[in-house]
């Protein structure tokens, strides 16, 4: 029974760490760019100056 309690505490701790990391990344603006990912594929890469 003590193993179940230990695993429960460990899983809640890991979940809390991931929740804190997610909230921190949202607060820092990691997910603010909503426009460029869908449009990025429409633009070509810069031409390569080296000819093969």
N, C-alpha and C. Protein backbone atom coordinates (compact mmCIF):
# COMPACT_ATOMS: atom_id res chain seq x y z
N UNK A 1 0.82 -1.20 0.00
CA UNK A 1 0.00 0.00 0.00
C UNK A 1 0.86 1.26 0.00
N UNK A 2 2.01 1.21 0.67
CA UNK A 2 2.87 2.39 0.73
C UNK A 2 3.48 2.69 -0.65
N UNK A 3 3.66 1.64 -1.48
CA UNK A 3 4.19 1.86 -2.82
C UNK A 3 3.20 2.66 -3.66
N UNK A 4 1.93 2.38 -3.53
CA UNK A 4 0.90 3.11 -4.27
C UNK A 4 0.91 4.59 -3.87
N UNK A 5 1.02 4.85 -2.59
CA UNK A 5 1.07 6.24 -2.12
C UNK A 5 2.33 6.94 -2.62
N UNK A 6 3.44 6.23 -2.61
CA UNK A 6 4.69 6.81 -3.11
C UNK A 6 4.59 7.13 -4.60
N UNK A 7 4.04 6.21 -5.38
CA UNK A 7 3.87 6.44 -6.81
C UNK A 7 2.87 7.56 -7.09
N UNK A 8 1.85 7.65 -6.30
CA UNK A 8 0.87 8.72 -6.46
C UNK A 8 1.50 10.09 -6.19
N UNK A 9 2.28 10.17 -5.15
CA UNK A 9 2.98 11.43 -4.84
C UNK A 9 3.97 11.78 -5.94
N UNK A 10 4.70 10.78 -6.44
CA UNK A 10 5.67 11.02 -7.51
C UNK A 10 4.97 11.48 -8.79
N UNK A 11 3.86 10.88 -9.16
CA UNK A 11 3.17 11.26 -10.39
C UNK A 11 2.55 12.65 -10.26
N UNK A 12 2.02 12.98 -9.11
CA UNK A 12 1.47 14.33 -8.91
C UNK A 12 2.58 15.36 -8.96
N UNK A 13 3.75 15.03 -8.42
CA UNK A 13 4.88 15.95 -8.47
C UNK A 13 5.34 16.19 -9.90
N UNK A 14 5.45 15.13 -10.68
CA UNK A 14 5.87 15.27 -12.09
C UNK A 14 4.83 16.07 -12.87
N UNK A 15 3.56 15.81 -12.64
CA UNK A 15 2.50 16.55 -13.33
C UNK A 15 2.54 18.03 -12.94
N UNK A 16 2.81 18.33 -11.69
CA UNK A 16 2.90 19.72 -11.25
C UNK A 16 4.09 20.42 -11.89
N UNK A 17 5.21 19.71 -12.04
CA UNK A 17 6.39 20.30 -12.69
C UNK A 17 6.07 20.64 -14.14
N UNK A 18 5.41 19.72 -14.85
CA UNK A 18 5.06 19.98 -16.25
C UNK A 18 4.04 21.11 -16.36
N UNK A 19 3.11 21.20 -15.44
CA UNK A 19 2.14 22.29 -15.46
C UNK A 19 2.83 23.62 -15.23
N UNK A 20 3.74 23.68 -14.28
CA UNK A 20 4.48 24.92 -14.01
C UNK A 20 5.33 25.31 -15.22
N UNK A 21 5.98 24.33 -15.86
CA UNK A 21 6.78 24.62 -17.05
C UNK A 21 5.91 25.15 -18.19
N UNK A 22 4.73 24.58 -18.37
CA UNK A 22 3.82 25.04 -19.41
C UNK A 22 3.34 26.45 -19.13
N UNK A 23 2.92 26.72 -17.91
CA UNK A 23 2.45 28.06 -17.56
C UNK A 23 3.56 29.09 -17.69
N UNK A 24 4.79 28.71 -17.34
CA UNK A 24 5.92 29.61 -17.47
C UNK A 24 6.19 29.93 -18.94
N UNK A 25 6.10 28.93 -19.81
CA UNK A 25 6.35 29.17 -21.24
C UNK A 25 5.25 30.03 -21.86
N UNK A 26 4.01 29.87 -21.41
CA UNK A 26 2.92 30.71 -21.91
C UNK A 26 3.14 32.15 -21.45
N UNK A 27 3.55 32.32 -20.21
CA UNK A 27 3.78 33.66 -19.66
C UNK A 27 4.93 34.37 -20.38
N UNK A 28 5.95 33.61 -20.78
CA UNK A 28 7.11 34.19 -21.47
C UNK A 28 6.85 34.44 -22.95
N UNK A 29 5.69 34.03 -23.47
CA UNK A 29 5.34 34.32 -24.86
C UNK A 29 5.79 33.29 -25.86
N UNK A 30 6.01 32.07 -25.43
CA UNK A 30 6.46 31.02 -26.32
C UNK A 30 5.43 30.71 -27.40
N UNK A 31 4.16 30.87 -27.11
CA UNK A 31 3.10 30.49 -28.04
C UNK A 31 2.38 31.70 -28.63
N UNK A 32 3.02 32.84 -28.69
CA UNK A 32 2.38 34.05 -29.19
C UNK A 32 2.30 34.11 -30.71
N UNK A 33 3.21 33.46 -31.40
CA UNK A 33 3.27 33.54 -32.86
C UNK A 33 2.22 32.62 -33.46
N UNK A 34 1.08 33.19 -33.84
CA UNK A 34 -0.01 32.39 -34.39
C UNK A 34 -0.08 32.48 -35.92
N UNK A 35 0.59 33.45 -36.52
CA UNK A 35 0.42 33.67 -37.95
C UNK A 35 1.49 33.01 -38.80
N UNK A 36 2.72 33.02 -38.39
CA UNK A 36 3.78 32.57 -39.29
C UNK A 36 3.81 31.06 -39.56
N UNK A 37 3.48 30.16 -38.63
CA UNK A 37 3.55 28.75 -39.00
C UNK A 37 2.67 28.35 -40.18
N UNK A 38 1.42 28.80 -40.28
CA UNK A 38 0.65 28.39 -41.46
C UNK A 38 1.10 29.07 -42.75
N UNK A 39 1.73 30.22 -42.65
CA UNK A 39 2.12 30.98 -43.83
C UNK A 39 3.56 30.67 -44.24
N UNK A 40 4.36 30.15 -43.33
CA UNK A 40 5.78 29.92 -43.59
C UNK A 40 6.02 28.99 -44.77
N UNK A 41 5.14 28.03 -44.99
CA UNK A 41 5.34 27.08 -46.07
C UNK A 41 5.14 27.73 -47.44
N UNK A 42 4.48 28.87 -47.49
CA UNK A 42 4.23 29.54 -48.77
C UNK A 42 5.44 30.26 -49.31
N UNK A 43 6.42 30.56 -48.46
CA UNK A 43 7.61 31.29 -48.88
C UNK A 43 8.74 30.33 -49.19
N UNK A 44 9.45 30.62 -50.28
CA UNK A 44 10.61 29.82 -50.64
C UNK A 44 11.77 30.15 -49.73
N UNK A 45 12.67 29.20 -49.61
CA UNK A 45 13.90 29.46 -48.88
C UNK A 45 14.78 30.39 -49.71
N UNK A 46 15.74 31.03 -49.05
CA UNK A 46 16.66 31.90 -49.76
C UNK A 46 17.46 31.05 -50.76
N UNK A 47 17.68 31.58 -51.96
CA UNK A 47 18.41 30.79 -52.95
C UNK A 47 19.86 30.55 -52.49
N UNK A 48 20.33 29.39 -52.78
CA UNK A 48 21.69 29.01 -52.42
C UNK A 48 22.65 29.59 -53.45
N UNK A 49 23.67 30.31 -53.00
CA UNK A 49 24.61 30.96 -53.94
C UNK A 49 25.61 29.98 -54.52
N UNK A 50 25.80 28.83 -53.90
CA UNK A 50 26.73 27.84 -54.40
C UNK A 50 26.07 26.99 -55.48
N UNK A 51 26.71 26.84 -56.59
CA UNK A 51 26.22 25.98 -57.65
C UNK A 51 26.95 24.66 -57.56
N UNK A 52 26.22 23.58 -57.74
CA UNK A 52 26.85 22.27 -57.65
C UNK A 52 27.20 21.75 -59.00
